[in-house]
N, C-alpha and C. Protein backbone atom coordinates (compact mmCIF):
# COMPACT_ATOMS: atom_id res chain seq x y z
N MET A 1 -11.97 -9.27 -16.85
CA MET A 1 -11.18 -8.22 -16.52
C MET A 1 -9.89 -8.72 -16.38
N GLY A 2 -8.74 -8.12 -16.91
CA GLY A 2 -7.31 -8.74 -16.66
C GLY A 2 -6.75 -7.88 -15.47
N ILE A 3 -5.62 -8.31 -15.17
CA ILE A 3 -4.88 -7.86 -14.03
C ILE A 3 -4.61 -6.26 -13.88
N SER A 4 -4.24 -5.96 -15.24
CA SER A 4 -3.91 -4.40 -15.45
C SER A 4 -5.16 -3.63 -15.21
N GLU A 5 -6.27 -4.05 -15.77
CA GLU A 5 -7.70 -3.23 -15.61
C GLU A 5 -8.05 -3.17 -14.00
N LYS A 6 -7.82 -4.62 -13.27
CA LYS A 6 -8.36 -4.55 -11.91
C LYS A 6 -7.40 -3.62 -11.40
N SER A 7 -5.98 -3.61 -11.74
CA SER A 7 -5.09 -2.83 -10.68
C SER A 7 -5.81 -1.12 -10.92
N THR A 8 -5.89 -0.77 -12.17
CA THR A 8 -6.38 0.41 -12.40
C THR A 8 -7.52 0.87 -11.80
N LEU A 9 -8.39 -0.20 -11.82
CA LEU A 9 -9.79 0.05 -10.96
C LEU A 9 -9.59 0.24 -9.62
N MET A 10 -8.72 -0.75 -8.94
CA MET A 10 -8.51 -0.62 -7.55
C MET A 10 -8.14 0.59 -6.89
N ILE A 11 -6.97 1.24 -7.78
CA ILE A 11 -6.51 2.39 -7.37
C ILE A 11 -7.49 3.46 -7.46
N THR A 12 -8.21 3.43 -8.58
CA THR A 12 -9.22 4.41 -8.66
C THR A 12 -10.27 4.42 -7.75
N LEU A 13 -10.67 3.29 -7.26
CA LEU A 13 -11.73 3.25 -6.33
C LEU A 13 -11.34 3.74 -4.88
N ALA A 14 -10.09 3.33 -4.61
CA ALA A 14 -9.26 3.66 -3.44
C ALA A 14 -9.25 5.35 -3.42
N ARG A 15 -8.94 5.85 -4.52
CA ARG A 15 -8.72 7.45 -4.54
C ARG A 15 -10.06 8.05 -4.35
N CYS A 16 -11.25 7.32 -4.93
CA CYS A 16 -12.61 7.94 -4.73
C CYS A 16 -13.14 7.58 -3.57
N GLY A 17 -12.43 6.93 -2.53
CA GLY A 17 -13.07 6.62 -1.25
C GLY A 17 -13.81 5.47 -1.05
N GLU A 18 -13.89 4.65 -2.11
CA GLU A 18 -14.50 3.42 -1.85
C GLU A 18 -13.35 2.35 -1.61
N HIS A 19 -12.96 2.29 -0.45
CA HIS A 19 -11.92 1.56 0.32
C HIS A 19 -12.44 -0.01 0.36
N ARG A 20 -13.45 -0.39 0.73
CA ARG A 20 -13.94 -1.68 0.78
C ARG A 20 -13.84 -2.37 -0.48
N ARG A 21 -14.37 -1.76 -1.59
CA ARG A 21 -14.28 -2.33 -2.96
C ARG A 21 -12.90 -2.52 -3.48
N ALA A 22 -12.30 -1.22 -3.42
CA ALA A 22 -10.78 -1.25 -3.54
C ALA A 22 -9.88 -2.36 -2.96
N ALA A 23 -10.14 -2.75 -1.59
CA ALA A 23 -9.54 -3.64 -0.89
C ALA A 23 -9.79 -5.08 -1.55
N GLU A 24 -11.08 -5.19 -1.88
CA GLU A 24 -11.39 -6.60 -2.28
C GLU A 24 -10.73 -6.94 -3.54
N LEU A 25 -10.61 -5.90 -4.57
CA LEU A 25 -10.08 -6.09 -5.72
C LEU A 25 -8.60 -6.24 -5.53
N ALA A 26 -7.87 -5.51 -4.65
CA ALA A 26 -6.44 -5.74 -4.20
C ALA A 26 -6.23 -7.07 -3.72
N ALA A 27 -7.11 -7.64 -2.92
CA ALA A 27 -6.89 -8.93 -2.48
C ALA A 27 -6.78 -10.00 -3.62
N GLU A 28 -7.69 -9.88 -4.49
CA GLU A 28 -7.76 -10.58 -5.65
C GLU A 28 -6.19 -10.53 -6.52
N VAL A 29 -5.93 -9.13 -6.80
CA VAL A 29 -4.90 -9.16 -7.41
C VAL A 29 -3.44 -9.53 -6.83
N ARG A 30 -3.38 -9.32 -5.33
CA ARG A 30 -2.26 -9.65 -4.60
C ARG A 30 -1.94 -11.19 -4.90
N MET A 31 -3.15 -11.98 -5.09
CA MET A 31 -2.64 -13.53 -5.20
C MET A 31 -2.06 -13.91 -6.48
N VAL A 32 -2.05 -12.91 -7.62
CA VAL A 32 -1.67 -13.42 -8.76
C VAL A 32 -0.65 -12.34 -9.31
N GLY A 33 -0.50 -11.08 -8.59
CA GLY A 33 0.41 -10.14 -9.11
C GLY A 33 1.98 -10.36 -8.94
N ASN A 34 2.47 -9.88 -10.05
CA ASN A 34 3.90 -9.86 -10.06
C ASN A 34 4.77 -8.88 -9.19
N ALA A 35 5.99 -8.82 -8.89
CA ALA A 35 6.63 -7.89 -8.09
C ALA A 35 6.28 -6.40 -8.37
N SER A 36 6.15 -5.99 -9.51
CA SER A 36 5.68 -4.62 -10.00
C SER A 36 4.34 -4.43 -9.24
N ILE A 37 3.47 -5.22 -9.60
CA ILE A 37 1.90 -4.88 -9.49
C ILE A 37 1.95 -4.93 -7.76
N LEU A 38 2.55 -5.86 -7.24
CA LEU A 38 2.29 -5.78 -5.66
C LEU A 38 2.72 -4.50 -5.10
N VAL A 39 3.94 -3.90 -5.52
CA VAL A 39 4.30 -2.73 -5.02
C VAL A 39 3.62 -1.53 -5.61
N THR A 40 3.59 -1.37 -6.80
CA THR A 40 2.92 -0.14 -7.36
C THR A 40 1.61 -0.25 -7.55
N ALA A 41 0.75 -1.35 -7.25
CA ALA A 41 -0.77 -1.34 -7.38
C ALA A 41 -1.33 -1.63 -6.01
N VAL A 42 -0.95 -2.80 -5.54
CA VAL A 42 -1.49 -3.42 -4.40
C VAL A 42 -1.22 -2.71 -3.06
N SER A 43 0.04 -2.42 -2.95
CA SER A 43 0.57 -1.80 -1.63
C SER A 43 0.02 -0.53 -1.57
N THR A 44 0.19 0.38 -2.85
CA THR A 44 -0.42 1.82 -2.85
C THR A 44 -2.07 1.80 -2.63
N THR A 45 -2.58 0.88 -3.19
CA THR A 45 -4.08 0.84 -2.97
C THR A 45 -4.48 0.63 -1.52
N TYR A 46 -3.75 -0.36 -0.80
CA TYR A 46 -4.10 -0.52 0.58
C TYR A 46 -3.63 0.90 1.35
N GLY A 47 -2.63 1.49 1.00
CA GLY A 47 -2.22 2.56 1.61
C GLY A 47 -3.15 3.82 1.52
N ILE A 48 -3.74 3.90 0.39
CA ILE A 48 -4.57 4.81 0.12
C ILE A 48 -5.86 4.51 0.97
N CYS A 49 -6.39 3.16 0.96
CA CYS A 49 -7.53 2.90 1.78
C CYS A 49 -7.34 3.18 3.23
N MET A 50 -6.08 3.05 3.70
CA MET A 50 -5.70 3.42 5.23
C MET A 50 -6.06 4.99 5.23
N ALA A 51 -5.66 5.56 4.36
CA ALA A 51 -5.69 7.18 4.59
C ALA A 51 -7.18 7.34 4.38
N THR A 52 -7.96 6.78 3.67
CA THR A 52 -9.25 6.94 3.55
C THR A 52 -9.99 6.85 4.89
N VAL A 53 -9.85 5.81 5.48
CA VAL A 53 -10.33 5.35 6.80
C VAL A 53 -9.99 6.45 7.86
N GLN A 54 -8.84 6.95 7.97
CA GLN A 54 -8.27 7.77 8.84
C GLN A 54 -8.81 9.11 8.41
N GLY A 55 -8.73 9.47 7.35
CA GLY A 55 -8.99 11.09 7.05
C GLY A 55 -8.05 12.01 7.48
N ASP A 56 -8.63 13.15 7.86
CA ASP A 56 -7.85 14.10 8.63
C ASP A 56 -7.69 14.05 10.07
N ARG A 57 -8.14 12.77 10.68
CA ARG A 57 -8.31 12.72 12.06
C ARG A 57 -6.83 11.93 12.53
N LYS A 58 -6.61 12.23 13.67
CA LYS A 58 -5.66 11.56 14.53
C LYS A 58 -5.99 10.31 14.78
N LEU A 59 -5.09 9.30 15.13
CA LEU A 59 -5.42 7.99 15.51
C LEU A 59 -6.32 7.95 16.37
N ASP A 60 -6.04 8.75 17.66
CA ASP A 60 -6.91 8.77 18.87
C ASP A 60 -8.20 9.26 18.55
N GLN A 61 -8.57 9.89 17.51
CA GLN A 61 -9.76 10.27 17.22
C GLN A 61 -10.69 9.16 16.56
N LEU A 62 -10.17 8.10 16.07
CA LEU A 62 -10.86 7.08 15.22
C LEU A 62 -11.54 6.02 16.21
N GLY A 63 -12.76 5.66 15.92
CA GLY A 63 -13.51 4.68 16.81
C GLY A 63 -12.79 3.29 16.76
N SER A 64 -13.06 2.43 17.61
CA SER A 64 -12.22 1.13 17.60
C SER A 64 -12.46 0.42 16.35
N GLU A 65 -13.54 0.23 15.56
CA GLU A 65 -13.53 -0.35 14.35
C GLU A 65 -12.93 0.22 13.25
N GLU A 66 -12.82 1.75 13.40
CA GLU A 66 -12.14 2.48 12.30
C GLU A 66 -10.63 2.28 12.56
N ARG A 67 -10.10 2.36 13.69
CA ARG A 67 -8.91 2.04 14.02
C ARG A 67 -8.41 0.69 13.56
N ARG A 68 -9.18 -0.46 13.88
CA ARG A 68 -8.97 -1.82 13.51
C ARG A 68 -8.62 -1.85 11.83
N LEU A 69 -9.70 -1.18 11.07
CA LEU A 69 -9.86 -1.32 9.65
C LEU A 69 -8.55 -0.55 9.00
N ARG A 70 -8.32 0.66 9.50
CA ARG A 70 -7.10 1.47 9.40
C ARG A 70 -5.79 0.60 9.54
N ASP A 71 -5.83 -0.12 10.55
CA ASP A 71 -4.34 -0.70 10.89
C ASP A 71 -4.47 -2.12 9.95
N HIS A 72 -5.49 -2.56 9.69
CA HIS A 72 -5.46 -3.79 8.94
C HIS A 72 -5.00 -3.40 7.49
N TYR A 73 -5.48 -2.24 6.97
CA TYR A 73 -5.01 -1.74 5.60
C TYR A 73 -3.51 -1.35 5.56
N ARG A 74 -3.06 -0.83 6.76
CA ARG A 74 -1.66 -0.65 6.97
C ARG A 74 -0.77 -1.68 6.79
N ASP A 75 -1.44 -2.82 7.53
CA ASP A 75 -0.67 -4.10 7.52
C ASP A 75 -0.65 -4.52 6.21
N LEU A 76 -1.61 -4.61 5.48
CA LEU A 76 -1.63 -5.45 4.10
C LEU A 76 -0.68 -4.52 3.11
N ALA A 77 -0.73 -3.28 3.35
CA ALA A 77 0.05 -2.35 2.51
C ALA A 77 1.59 -2.65 2.58
N MET A 78 2.01 -2.77 4.04
CA MET A 78 3.40 -3.04 4.20
C MET A 78 3.80 -4.51 3.74
N ALA A 79 2.93 -5.51 4.01
CA ALA A 79 3.03 -6.91 3.53
C ALA A 79 3.30 -7.06 1.98
N SER A 80 2.32 -6.23 1.42
CA SER A 80 2.38 -6.35 -0.11
C SER A 80 3.71 -5.69 -0.44
N LEU A 81 4.00 -4.66 0.01
CA LEU A 81 5.22 -3.96 -0.31
C LEU A 81 6.62 -4.88 -0.13
N LYS A 82 6.48 -5.46 1.09
CA LYS A 82 7.53 -6.41 1.23
C LYS A 82 7.64 -7.61 0.28
N GLU A 83 6.42 -8.17 -0.02
CA GLU A 83 6.31 -9.47 -1.08
C GLU A 83 6.65 -8.84 -2.23
N GLY A 84 6.55 -7.74 -2.76
CA GLY A 84 6.98 -7.21 -4.09
C GLY A 84 8.53 -7.08 -4.21
N VAL A 85 9.10 -6.66 -3.05
CA VAL A 85 10.55 -6.52 -2.94
C VAL A 85 11.14 -7.87 -2.87
N ALA A 86 10.52 -8.79 -2.09
CA ALA A 86 10.98 -10.08 -1.95
C ALA A 86 11.15 -10.81 -3.59
N LYS A 87 10.14 -10.29 -4.24
CA LYS A 87 9.90 -10.95 -5.52
C LYS A 87 10.81 -10.35 -6.73
N GLY A 88 11.56 -9.24 -6.11
CA GLY A 88 12.61 -8.55 -7.04
C GLY A 88 12.45 -6.96 -7.34
N TYR A 89 11.33 -6.51 -6.74
CA TYR A 89 11.06 -5.03 -7.09
C TYR A 89 11.97 -4.34 -6.49
N ALA A 90 12.77 -3.44 -7.28
CA ALA A 90 13.93 -2.69 -6.70
C ALA A 90 13.91 -1.22 -6.96
N THR A 91 12.77 -0.56 -7.51
CA THR A 91 12.70 0.88 -7.96
C THR A 91 12.55 1.84 -6.79
N LEU A 92 13.53 2.21 -6.34
CA LEU A 92 13.48 3.23 -5.15
C LEU A 92 12.84 4.34 -5.26
N ILE A 93 12.94 4.99 -6.51
CA ILE A 93 12.44 6.23 -6.78
C ILE A 93 11.08 6.19 -6.80
N TYR A 94 10.46 5.13 -7.24
CA TYR A 94 8.92 5.18 -7.26
C TYR A 94 8.44 4.95 -5.91
N ILE A 95 8.96 4.20 -5.04
CA ILE A 95 8.60 4.14 -3.59
C ILE A 95 8.59 5.42 -2.79
N GLU A 96 9.90 6.26 -3.22
CA GLU A 96 10.13 7.54 -2.55
C GLU A 96 9.28 8.72 -3.05
N ARG A 97 8.91 8.54 -4.36
CA ARG A 97 8.36 9.83 -4.96
C ARG A 97 6.93 9.58 -5.51
N ASP A 98 6.39 8.47 -5.76
CA ASP A 98 5.08 8.34 -6.13
C ASP A 98 4.14 9.03 -5.19
N PRO A 99 3.32 9.86 -5.50
CA PRO A 99 2.23 10.32 -4.68
C PRO A 99 1.30 9.36 -4.13
N ASP A 100 1.15 8.08 -4.68
CA ASP A 100 0.19 7.09 -4.15
C ASP A 100 0.91 6.48 -3.05
N PHE A 101 2.09 6.67 -2.77
CA PHE A 101 2.79 6.27 -1.49
C PHE A 101 2.85 7.17 -0.30
N GLU A 102 2.26 8.25 -0.58
CA GLU A 102 2.40 9.35 0.48
C GLU A 102 1.74 8.88 1.54
N PRO A 103 0.64 8.17 1.81
CA PRO A 103 -0.12 7.64 3.00
C PRO A 103 0.92 6.78 3.86
N LEU A 104 1.70 6.17 3.12
CA LEU A 104 2.85 5.27 3.87
C LEU A 104 3.92 5.89 4.57
N HIS A 105 4.16 7.12 3.86
CA HIS A 105 5.59 7.77 4.20
C HIS A 105 5.64 8.14 5.54
N GLU A 106 4.61 8.51 6.38
CA GLU A 106 4.72 8.83 7.69
C GLU A 106 4.62 7.74 8.61
N LEU A 107 4.38 6.44 8.07
CA LEU A 107 4.36 5.41 9.12
C LEU A 107 5.80 5.00 9.55
N PRO A 108 5.88 4.89 11.01
CA PRO A 108 7.27 4.45 11.62
C PRO A 108 7.70 3.19 10.93
N GLU A 109 6.68 2.14 10.76
CA GLU A 109 7.21 1.07 10.29
C GLU A 109 7.68 0.99 8.64
N PHE A 110 6.94 1.86 8.03
CA PHE A 110 7.40 2.19 6.67
C PHE A 110 8.99 2.83 6.70
N LYS A 111 8.95 3.69 7.61
CA LYS A 111 10.40 4.48 7.64
C LYS A 111 11.56 3.49 7.80
N ALA A 112 11.27 2.55 8.84
CA ALA A 112 12.17 1.77 9.38
C ALA A 112 12.47 0.73 8.00
N TRP A 113 11.47 0.21 7.53
CA TRP A 113 11.53 -0.74 6.38
C TRP A 113 12.33 -0.05 5.27
N LEU A 114 12.07 1.12 4.82
CA LEU A 114 12.78 2.03 3.77
C LEU A 114 14.21 2.23 4.04
N ALA A 115 14.37 2.59 5.21
CA ALA A 115 16.17 2.47 5.74
C ALA A 115 16.66 1.07 5.47
N GLU A 116 16.02 0.06 5.81
CA GLU A 116 16.71 -1.33 5.69
C GLU A 116 16.74 -1.63 4.07
N PHE A 117 15.58 -1.29 3.18
CA PHE A 117 15.65 -1.38 1.84
C PHE A 117 16.63 -0.59 1.13
N LYS A 118 17.09 0.54 1.60
CA LYS A 118 17.98 1.40 1.14
C LYS A 118 19.47 0.82 1.20
N LYS A 119 19.62 -0.07 2.29
CA LYS A 119 20.75 -0.32 2.78
C LYS A 119 21.01 -1.85 1.84
N THR A 120 19.92 -2.61 1.60
CA THR A 120 20.12 -3.61 0.82
C THR A 120 20.56 -3.29 -0.77
N LEU A 121 20.02 -2.07 -1.22
CA LEU A 121 20.35 -1.60 -2.39
C LEU A 121 21.64 -1.13 -2.74
N ASN A 122 22.14 -0.52 -1.66
CA ASN A 122 23.47 -0.20 -1.52
C ASN A 122 24.58 -1.33 -1.56
N ARG A 123 24.11 -2.32 -1.11
CA ARG A 123 24.97 -3.68 -0.99
C ARG A 123 25.22 -4.29 -2.45
N ASN A 124 24.14 -3.98 -3.13
CA ASN A 124 24.21 -4.80 -4.52
C ASN A 124 24.98 -3.95 -5.49
């Protein structure tokens, strides 16, 4: 299975609630993915996995293991996003508008990162 097929499968698995399988594939793809794949597939997959673990609950309603796993996916999503941008990804509209990014949009760390990312785009 190629990187494109793995990317499609991992996002699909994440959307279907299969966060562990999706995250395993995302880890494989992250090691070989280019800038676009890191942002549009790996980061979003981890973000969807984060949302799946949390569900409709507030953070203080999660058990300790659920909170650890949710935070782990959050950290992986942000790290993959930053890696992709460091490798040259610069399509702001995708990051701001693609529905797969919605789980990340409310994160304080994402909001802070996005503000800095916009500043770097304006400088170029």
